[in-house]
Amino acid sequence: MNIAILLLSTGLALSPADTSRLSLDEAVARALEANATLRAERASAAAARQLPLQASQAFLPSVTLDLQGLRTTDPVAVFGLKLRQGNFTGPDLSLAALNGPDAYSGFNAVASVQWPLLAPEGLFGYAAARKVAAAQTAAAGRASGATRFLVTQAYFDAQLTTYRLDALDSALTAVRAHRDQAEAMRSQGLVTGLDARLAGLRASELEVQRLTVAARADVAMSALRMMLALPEATVLVLTDSLRSTEPQSMCAEGATTCALDDRGDLVAVRMGSDAARLGIKKAWASQLPAVAAFGSVAHYARSTPFGTGSGDWTVGIGVSWPILRGLAGAGAVRAAKAESEAAAARREAAERQAALEVLEATRMLTAARARVRVAGAAELEGREALEQARLRYRTGAAPITELLDVQAAATNAALNYLAARRDLHVVAAALDLAYGVYDR
């Protein structure tokens, strides 16, 4: 049935600006752009991609500019300030001047550079940071794939609940017509009043079911709006009909282009495992010497930061080697090894789980296709059986209980077919999700 399903969350008339027509692909595209959860994942990935920049100080120079102004009576500080400013005179060497100097002012401007020449710990830390950044980026890709799947599921769930509501409305209308027919036949003396009562009871049962399904339809539509970041008042017209649209799975029928290698969460755990192994090397490297070149240029003035005064420069190379830090180094190495083992175990578990998800989705897709065929045939049989039951009741060949039972069976067959169609769409998307098609 080639229709567009109009799903309304309110009975009030809304302006055209409050209506949005969406195909499944358009709904997915909107969610990939506007979904708040996905935006948060991408922002986290963007933050993680800055980790290598933060770790680049392991091999790139650092430049610092210090500007200081002070006034002091500290003997050592006064002595140093005058000496650095080139303002030291003979009287300053007297014991009174040295021990109790007058308050003295000074300004210091110092530019310093430090350039690591050998920093093993920092280099391994930089490599680990790159792995962590790649892992977070892959995780964000997996979130995109999951968002596509969840939107597909919500898209067809919203349609299914609306179709269920329509089916119950049709059944309710039919049962009420059966009740009216029974009343007419009772007035002619053809049946007793029991027929109309039984039809009325069935109508009441359907009304109760309809209340629940109507609430679920509203919830399903609200869930879809939430994923698409749309206002609750928005009326959605879903143009890819559950009945007529055929699911398109990129990985169905054993497609050779689908493999688990690029699935986002597996890439993330692989990168995490690699980062953990680098963590072991970093822990070892923290106990090795580090070599750095350094230099500084300074200017010292009395009245203004860059006024009359004196300057100096310094260059050099330094070696830092934490020869003994108690048992901290050994503890760091052991902790890094344990974390690496945990990361490897998580990777193995994730790979096994992914393989199981592919197997499950493949089998469920086969079952869903068979279910659609069986449920479709049952729906046709239900329609034909209902026509026969109506004829039998009109001619007095069958009691109303038969008609009501066949009506219920036909309604259930229609609902089962719709549920089977929904499951086929969702399972096809689940297979692509299991392979990570949309994570790339």
Protein backbone atom coordinates (compact mmCIF):
# COMPACT_ATOMS: atom_id res chain seq x y z
CA MET A 1 0.00 0.00 0.00
CA ASN A 2 1.65 3.15 -1.26
CA ILE A 3 0.80 5.65 1.47
CA ALA A 4 2.45 8.22 3.67
CA ILE A 5 1.62 7.79 7.32
CA LEU A 6 0.57 10.92 9.15
CA LEU A 7 1.44 10.60 12.82
CA LEU A 8 -0.16 13.25 15.02
CA SER A 9 0.68 13.91 18.64
CA THR A 10 -2.22 16.35 19.08
CA GLY A 11 -5.59 16.97 17.57
CA LEU A 12 -5.01 20.71 17.19
CA ALA A 13 -4.45 22.15 13.73
CA LEU A 14 -0.84 23.12 13.20
CA SER A 15 0.70 25.45 10.66
CA PRO A 16 2.65 23.97 7.70
CA ALA A 17 5.85 25.07 9.41
CA ASP A 18 5.11 22.54 12.17
CA THR A 19 4.97 19.61 9.72
CA SER A 20 8.03 17.69 8.60
CA ARG A 21 8.01 15.08 5.82
CA LEU A 22 10.85 12.62 6.26
CA SER A 23 12.08 9.55 4.46
CA LEU A 24 14.18 7.14 6.47
CA ASP A 25 17.39 8.48 4.95
CA GLU A 26 16.35 12.05 5.72
CA ALA A 27 15.54 11.12 9.31
CA VAL A 28 18.93 9.45 9.68
CA ALA A 29 20.71 12.43 8.15
CA ARG A 30 18.98 14.79 10.56
CA ALA A 31 19.83 12.62 13.55
CA LEU A 32 23.49 12.40 12.52
CA GLU A 33 23.59 16.18 12.50
CA ALA A 34 21.33 17.16 15.39
CA ASN A 35 21.19 14.30 17.88
CA ALA A 36 22.49 15.61 21.21
CA THR A 37 24.02 12.32 22.36
CA LEU A 38 25.93 11.96 19.10
CA ARG A 39 27.11 15.56 19.27
CA ALA A 40 28.49 14.85 22.73
CA GLU A 41 30.37 11.79 21.42
CA ARG A 42 31.88 13.81 18.59
CA ALA A 43 32.88 16.59 20.96
CA SER A 44 34.60 14.03 23.21
CA ALA A 45 36.43 12.66 20.18
CA ALA A 46 37.50 16.16 19.19
CA ALA A 47 38.85 16.71 22.70
CA ALA A 48 40.72 13.39 22.60
CA ARG A 49 42.34 14.33 19.28
CA GLN A 50 44.10 17.15 21.11
CA LEU A 51 45.92 14.73 23.42
CA PRO A 52 48.85 14.25 21.00
CA LEU A 53 49.27 18.02 20.83
CA GLN A 54 49.41 18.17 24.60
CA ALA A 55 51.99 15.37 24.65
CA SER A 56 54.15 16.99 21.94
CA GLN A 57 56.21 18.78 24.58
CA ALA A 58 58.18 15.53 24.77
CA PHE A 59 60.08 16.57 21.62
CA LEU A 60 59.12 20.18 20.84
CA PRO A 61 60.62 23.23 22.54
CA SER A 62 58.87 25.12 25.32
CA VAL A 63 59.23 28.90 25.53
CA THR A 64 58.39 30.84 28.68
CA LEU A 65 58.32 34.59 29.23
CA ASP A 66 58.37 35.84 32.83
CA LEU A 67 57.89 39.47 33.88
CA GLN A 68 58.26 40.35 37.56
CA GLY A 69 58.22 43.54 39.59
CA LEU A 70 59.12 43.67 43.28
CA ARG A 71 60.24 45.88 46.15
CA THR A 72 62.12 44.28 49.02
CA THR A 73 64.39 44.77 52.04
CA ASP A 74 65.62 41.16 51.94
CA PRO A 75 69.46 41.42 52.02
CA VAL A 76 70.06 38.62 49.54
CA ALA A 77 67.36 39.89 47.15
CA VAL A 78 68.66 43.48 47.29
CA PHE A 79 72.22 42.32 46.70
CA GLY A 80 71.13 40.20 43.72
CA LEU A 81 68.93 42.90 42.20
CA LYS A 82 71.68 45.52 42.28
CA LEU A 83 74.23 43.11 40.90
CA ARG A 84 71.98 41.97 38.05
CA GLN A 85 70.97 45.53 37.22
CA GLY A 86 74.60 46.57 36.97
CA ASN A 87 73.86 49.02 39.76
CA PHE A 88 76.20 47.62 42.38
CA THR A 89 78.68 50.17 43.87
CA GLY A 90 81.43 50.18 46.44
CA PRO A 91 79.30 51.45 49.36
CA ASP A 92 77.01 48.48 48.82
CA LEU A 93 79.81 46.26 50.15
CA SER A 94 79.71 47.80 53.61
CA LEU A 95 78.46 45.52 56.36
CA ALA A 96 75.64 47.93 57.21
CA ALA A 97 74.44 48.02 53.60
CA LEU A 98 74.70 44.27 53.30
CA ASN A 99 72.97 43.44 56.57
CA GLY A 100 70.28 46.14 56.62
CA PRO A 101 69.69 47.47 53.11
CA ASP A 102 67.08 50.10 52.40
CA ALA A 103 63.96 49.06 50.47
CA TYR A 104 64.88 48.45 46.84
CA SER A 105 62.83 47.97 43.66
CA GLY A 106 63.45 45.97 40.55
CA PHE A 107 61.85 44.55 37.38
CA ASN A 108 62.88 41.26 35.79
CA ALA A 109 62.07 40.18 32.21
CA VAL A 110 63.24 36.64 31.40
CA ALA A 111 62.67 34.60 28.22
CA SER A 112 63.62 30.95 28.57
CA VAL A 113 63.64 28.00 26.18
CA GLN A 114 63.79 24.30 26.97
CA TRP A 115 64.18 21.73 24.20
CA PRO A 116 64.06 18.01 25.03
CA LEU A 117 66.82 16.11 23.26
CA LEU A 118 66.04 12.71 24.75
CA ALA A 119 62.79 12.07 26.64
CA PRO A 120 61.88 8.36 26.41
CA GLU A 121 58.93 8.58 28.76
CA GLY A 122 57.45 11.53 26.87
CA LEU A 123 57.91 9.89 23.47
CA PHE A 124 56.05 6.75 24.53
CA GLY A 125 53.42 8.95 26.15
CA TYR A 126 52.97 10.79 22.86
CA ALA A 127 52.52 7.51 20.97
CA ALA A 128 49.99 6.33 23.56
CA ALA A 129 48.09 9.62 23.28
CA ARG A 130 47.75 9.11 19.53
CA LYS A 131 46.26 5.67 20.13
CA VAL A 132 43.82 7.05 22.69
CA ALA A 133 42.75 9.76 20.25
CA ALA A 134 42.21 7.18 17.51
CA ALA A 135 40.20 5.02 19.92
CA GLN A 136 37.89 7.91 20.85
CA THR A 137 37.41 8.84 17.20
CA ALA A 138 36.49 5.23 16.37
CA ALA A 139 34.08 5.19 19.32
CA ALA A 140 32.39 8.29 17.94
CA GLY A 141 32.09 6.53 14.60
CA ARG A 142 30.45 3.60 16.34
CA ALA A 143 28.03 6.01 17.99
CA SER A 144 27.10 7.28 14.52
CA GLY A 145 26.38 3.74 13.37
CA ALA A 146 24.33 3.04 16.48
CA THR A 147 22.39 6.28 15.94
CA ARG A 148 21.50 5.22 12.41
CA PHE A 149 20.24 1.88 13.71
CA LEU A 150 18.25 3.43 16.56
CA VAL A 151 16.62 5.95 14.22
CA THR A 152 15.69 3.14 11.81
CA GLN A 153 14.17 1.22 14.70
CA ALA A 154 12.29 4.25 16.02
CA TYR A 155 11.11 5.20 12.50
CA PHE A 156 9.43 1.85 11.93
CA ASP A 157 8.30 1.47 15.54
CA ALA A 158 6.36 4.71 15.14
CA GLN A 159 4.74 3.39 11.99
CA LEU A 160 3.98 -0.01 13.53
CA THR A 161 2.12 1.47 16.49
CA THR A 162 0.11 3.70 14.15
CA TYR A 163 -0.75 0.75 11.90
CA ARG A 164 -1.76 -1.21 14.98
CA LEU A 165 -4.01 1.66 15.99
CA ASP A 166 -5.58 1.68 12.50
CA ALA A 167 -6.07 -2.09 12.61
CA LEU A 168 -7.78 -1.91 15.99
CA ASP A 169 -9.97 0.94 14.76
CA SER A 170 -10.99 -1.17 11.76
CA ALA A 171 -11.68 -4.17 13.97
CA LEU A 172 -13.65 -2.02 16.41
CA THR A 173 -15.75 -0.60 13.57
CA ALA A 174 -16.38 -4.12 12.26
CA VAL A 175 -17.36 -5.52 15.66
CA ARG A 176 -19.74 -2.62 16.24
CA ALA A 177 -21.27 -3.38 12.86
CA HIS A 178 -21.63 -7.01 13.93
CA ARG A 179 -23.38 -5.81 17.08
CA ASP A 180 -25.76 -3.62 15.06
CA GLN A 181 -26.42 -6.50 12.72
CA ALA A 182 -27.16 -8.79 15.66
CA GLU A 183 -29.58 -6.22 17.08
CA ALA A 184 -31.36 -6.02 13.72
CA MET A 185 -31.57 -9.80 13.46
CA ARG A 186 -32.86 -10.02 17.06
CA SER A 187 -35.65 -7.58 16.24
CA GLN A 188 -36.62 -9.93 13.40
CA GLY A 189 -36.61 -12.88 15.77
CA LEU A 190 -33.70 -14.56 14.02
CA VAL A 191 -31.28 -14.55 16.98
CA THR A 192 -31.40 -13.91 20.70
CA GLY A 193 -30.11 -10.81 22.48
CA LEU A 194 -27.04 -12.76 23.50
CA ASP A 195 -25.41 -12.17 20.11
CA ALA A 196 -25.50 -8.41 20.52
CA ARG A 197 -24.18 -8.70 24.06
CA LEU A 198 -21.23 -10.84 22.95
CA ALA A 199 -20.40 -8.39 20.18
CA GLY A 200 -20.60 -5.53 22.67
CA LEU A 201 -18.23 -7.29 25.03
CA ARG A 202 -15.74 -7.80 22.21
CA ALA A 203 -16.04 -4.13 21.28
CA SER A 204 -15.27 -3.12 24.87
CA GLU A 205 -12.21 -5.38 24.85
CA LEU A 206 -10.95 -3.73 21.67
CA GLU A 207 -11.53 -0.26 23.13
CA VAL A 208 -9.32 -1.13 26.11
CA GLN A 209 -6.58 -2.41 23.79
CA ARG A 210 -6.88 0.72 21.69
CA LEU A 211 -6.20 2.99 24.67
CA THR A 212 -2.91 1.23 25.36
CA VAL A 213 -1.85 1.19 21.71
CA ALA A 214 -2.72 4.88 21.30
CA ALA A 215 -0.49 5.76 24.25
CA ARG A 216 2.33 3.65 22.80
CA ALA A 217 1.91 5.40 19.45
CA ASP A 218 2.37 8.78 21.14
CA VAL A 219 5.43 7.52 23.03
CA ALA A 220 6.98 6.06 19.87
CA MET A 221 6.52 9.32 17.99
CA SER A 222 7.97 11.31 20.89
CA ALA A 223 10.99 9.02 20.96
CA LEU A 224 11.58 9.63 17.26
CA ARG A 225 11.25 13.39 17.70
CA MET A 226 13.75 13.26 20.55
CA MET A 227 16.30 11.44 18.39
CA LEU A 228 15.82 13.99 15.62
CA ALA A 229 15.96 16.96 18.03
CA LEU A 230 12.51 18.14 16.92
CA PRO A 231 9.93 19.95 19.07
CA GLU A 232 7.20 17.78 20.57
CA ALA A 233 4.53 19.71 18.64
CA THR A 234 6.06 18.79 15.26
CA VAL A 235 3.87 16.63 13.03
CA LEU A 236 5.91 14.01 11.22
CA VAL A 237 4.93 12.50 7.88
CA LEU A 238 6.96 9.32 7.42
CA THR A 239 7.14 8.71 3.68
CA ASP A 240 8.88 5.30 3.66
CA SER A 241 5.94 3.05 4.37
CA LEU A 242 6.40 -0.01 6.53
CA ARG A 243 4.19 -2.00 4.18
CA SER A 244 5.66 -1.04 0.82
CA THR A 245 9.31 -0.21 1.49
CA GLU A 246 11.77 -3.08 1.22
CA PRO A 247 14.73 -3.09 3.61
CA GLN A 248 18.14 -2.57 2.03
CA SER A 249 20.98 -4.28 3.89
CA MET A 250 24.51 -3.78 2.60
CA CYS A 251 25.61 -6.99 4.29
CA ALA A 252 22.76 -9.34 3.38
CA GLU A 253 23.31 -12.46 1.31
CA GLY A 254 26.94 -12.84 2.40
CA ALA A 255 28.23 -9.60 0.90
CA THR A 256 32.00 -9.77 0.56
CA THR A 257 32.39 -6.04 1.26
CA CYS A 258 31.33 -6.48 4.89
CA ALA A 259 33.93 -7.34 7.51
CA LEU A 260 34.46 -6.61 11.17
CA ASP A 261 37.86 -4.95 10.70
CA ASP A 262 36.48 -1.42 10.54
CA ARG A 263 33.75 -1.74 13.19
CA GLY A 264 34.14 1.29 15.42
CA ASP A 265 34.05 -0.34 18.83
CA LEU A 266 36.54 -3.01 17.75
CA VAL A 267 38.88 -0.36 16.39
CA ALA A 268 38.51 1.47 19.70
CA VAL A 269 39.42 -1.56 21.82
CA ARG A 270 42.35 -2.37 19.51
CA MET A 271 43.66 1.16 19.87
CA GLY A 272 43.09 0.96 23.62
CA SER A 273 45.07 -2.29 23.79
CA ASP A 274 47.91 -0.72 21.79
CA ALA A 275 47.89 2.31 24.11
CA ALA A 276 48.07 0.01 27.13
CA ARG A 277 51.12 -1.79 25.69
CA LEU A 278 52.77 1.56 25.11
CA GLY A 279 51.96 2.33 28.72
CA ILE A 280 54.32 -0.47 29.75
CA LYS A 281 57.13 1.07 27.74
CA LYS A 282 56.33 4.46 29.19
CA ALA A 283 56.57 3.05 32.72
CA TRP A 284 59.98 1.55 31.95
CA ALA A 285 61.12 4.73 30.22
CA SER A 286 60.23 6.83 33.25
CA GLN A 287 63.27 5.27 34.94
CA LEU A 288 65.68 6.26 32.15
CA PRO A 289 67.64 9.51 31.92
CA ALA A 290 66.23 12.48 30.04
CA VAL A 291 68.39 15.03 28.25
CA ALA A 292 67.34 18.58 27.45
CA ALA A 293 68.96 21.76 26.16
CA PHE A 294 67.98 25.02 27.77
CA GLY A 295 68.67 28.72 27.42
CA SER A 296 67.47 32.04 28.72
CA VAL A 297 67.82 35.78 28.07
CA ALA A 298 67.11 38.17 30.93
CA HIS A 299 66.91 41.92 31.46
CA TYR A 300 66.92 43.56 34.90
CA ALA A 301 65.86 47.18 35.42
CA ARG A 302 65.05 49.31 38.46
CA SER A 303 62.39 51.80 37.40
CA THR A 304 60.48 50.16 34.48
CA PRO A 305 60.30 46.59 33.10
CA PHE A 306 62.55 47.36 30.13
CA GLY A 307 64.24 50.50 31.36
CA THR A 308 67.89 51.17 32.09
CA GLY A 309 69.56 48.15 33.57
CA SER A 310 71.57 45.11 32.67
CA GLY A 311 71.00 41.76 30.98
CA ASP A 312 72.53 38.32 30.72
CA TRP A 313 72.06 35.04 28.91
CA THR A 314 72.46 31.38 29.75
CA VAL A 315 72.69 28.22 27.64
CA GLY A 316 73.30 24.67 28.67
CA ILE A 317 72.45 20.97 28.49
CA GLY A 318 71.09 19.03 31.43
CA VAL A 319 70.58 15.38 32.27
CA SER A 320 67.90 14.18 34.67
CA TRP A 321 67.96 10.59 35.88
CA PRO A 322 65.71 9.32 38.68
CA ILE A 323 68.07 6.56 39.73
CA LEU A 324 66.10 5.47 42.76
CA ARG A 325 62.49 6.30 43.60
CA GLY A 326 61.85 3.61 46.11
CA LEU A 327 59.60 0.93 44.59
CA ALA A 328 57.50 3.41 42.63
CA GLY A 329 59.10 2.48 39.30
CA ALA A 330 58.52 -1.24 39.77
CA GLY A 331 54.95 -0.58 40.84
CA ALA A 332 54.30 1.57 37.77
CA VAL A 333 55.61 -1.16 35.44
CA ARG A 334 53.52 -3.86 37.11
CA ALA A 335 50.40 -1.70 37.04
CA ALA A 336 50.96 -0.97 33.33
CA LYS A 337 51.35 -4.68 32.59
CA ALA A 338 48.13 -5.47 34.44
CA GLU A 339 46.28 -2.75 32.55
CA SER A 340 47.64 -4.11 29.26
CA GLU A 341 46.38 -7.58 30.13
CA ALA A 342 42.97 -6.14 30.97
CA ALA A 343 42.87 -4.22 27.68
CA ALA A 344 43.80 -7.38 25.76
CA ALA A 345 41.02 -9.30 27.52
CA ARG A 346 38.52 -6.55 26.72
CA ARG A 347 39.59 -6.68 23.10
CA GLU A 348 39.10 -10.45 22.94
CA ALA A 349 35.69 -10.19 24.58
CA ALA A 350 34.62 -7.42 22.19
CA GLU A 351 35.72 -9.40 19.13
CA ARG A 352 33.86 -12.49 20.30
CA GLN A 353 30.75 -10.44 21.04
CA ALA A 354 30.90 -8.80 17.61
CA ALA A 355 31.17 -12.17 15.88
CA LEU A 356 28.16 -13.40 17.88
CA GLU A 357 26.15 -10.30 16.93
CA VAL A 358 26.87 -10.90 13.24
CA LEU A 359 25.83 -14.53 13.54
CA GLU A 360 22.68 -13.63 15.44
CA ALA A 361 21.68 -10.85 13.02
CA THR A 362 22.27 -13.11 10.00
CA ARG A 363 20.07 -15.86 11.41
CA MET A 364 17.41 -13.43 12.55
CA LEU A 365 17.31 -11.85 9.09
CA THR A 366 16.67 -15.24 7.51
CA ALA A 367 13.94 -15.91 10.08
CA ALA A 368 12.41 -12.46 9.57
CA ARG A 369 12.12 -12.98 5.81
CA ALA A 370 10.40 -16.33 6.33
CA ARG A 371 8.12 -14.77 8.92
CA VAL A 372 7.06 -12.04 6.49
CA ARG A 373 6.13 -14.66 3.90
CA VAL A 374 4.14 -16.74 6.37
CA ALA A 375 2.49 -13.75 8.04
CA GLY A 376 1.58 -12.23 4.66
CA ALA A 377 -0.12 -15.42 3.56
CA ALA A 378 -1.91 -15.63 6.92
CA GLU A 379 -3.18 -12.07 6.54
CA LEU A 380 -4.74 -12.92 3.18
CA GLU A 381 -6.28 -16.06 4.63
CA GLY A 382 -7.67 -14.01 7.50
CA ARG A 383 -9.40 -11.61 5.14
CA GLU A 384 -10.98 -14.39 3.15
CA ALA A 385 -12.02 -16.26 6.28
CA LEU A 386 -13.64 -13.10 7.65
CA GLU A 387 -15.72 -12.66 4.49
CA GLN A 388 -16.87 -16.26 4.73
CA ALA A 389 -17.73 -15.88 8.43
CA ARG A 390 -19.79 -12.76 7.73
CA LEU A 391 -21.71 -14.59 5.03
CA ARG A 392 -22.28 -17.61 7.29
CA TYR A 393 -23.63 -15.42 10.07
CA ARG A 394 -25.92 -13.43 7.78
CA THR A 395 -27.42 -16.65 6.45
CA GLY A 396 -27.74 -18.18 9.90
CA ALA A 397 -25.25 -20.94 9.19
CA ALA A 398 -22.96 -19.96 12.06
CA PRO A 399 -23.30 -18.34 15.49
CA ILE A 400 -21.92 -14.91 16.25
CA THR A 401 -19.15 -16.42 18.35
CA GLU A 402 -17.67 -17.85 15.16
CA LEU A 403 -17.82 -14.46 13.46
CA LEU A 404 -16.20 -12.73 16.45
CA ASP A 405 -13.48 -15.36 16.69
CA VAL A 406 -12.67 -15.08 12.99
CA GLN A 407 -12.69 -11.28 13.28
CA ALA A 408 -10.15 -11.51 16.13
CA ALA A 409 -8.03 -13.99 14.19
CA ALA A 410 -8.04 -11.76 11.10
CA THR A 411 -7.04 -8.75 13.20
CA ASN A 412 -4.21 -10.69 14.84
CA ALA A 413 -3.02 -11.91 11.45
CA ALA A 414 -2.88 -8.32 10.19
CA LEU A 415 -0.98 -7.19 13.29
CA ASN A 416 1.43 -10.14 13.01
CA TYR A 417 2.18 -9.23 9.41
CA LEU A 418 2.90 -5.63 10.35
CA ALA A 419 5.14 -6.74 13.21
CA ALA A 420 6.97 -9.10 10.84
CA ARG A 421 7.55 -6.25 8.37
CA ARG A 422 8.88 -4.05 11.16
CA ASP A 423 11.21 -6.79 12.38
CA LEU A 424 12.53 -7.34 8.86
CA HIS A 425 13.52 -3.68 8.55
CA VAL A 426 15.08 -3.58 12.02
CA VAL A 427 16.99 -6.86 11.69
CA ALA A 428 18.38 -5.82 8.29
CA ALA A 429 19.68 -2.64 9.93
CA ALA A 430 20.99 -4.70 12.86
CA LEU A 431 23.09 -6.79 10.47
CA ASP A 432 24.71 -3.66 9.02
CA LEU A 433 25.23 -2.39 12.56
CA ALA A 434 26.87 -5.67 13.58
CA TYR A 435 29.33 -5.35 10.70
CA GLY A 436 29.95 -1.67 11.47
CA VAL A 437 28.95 -0.52 7.99
CA TYR A 438 27.99 2.95 9.16
CA ASP A 439 30.87 3.37 11.60
CA ARG A 440 33.35 4.28 8.87
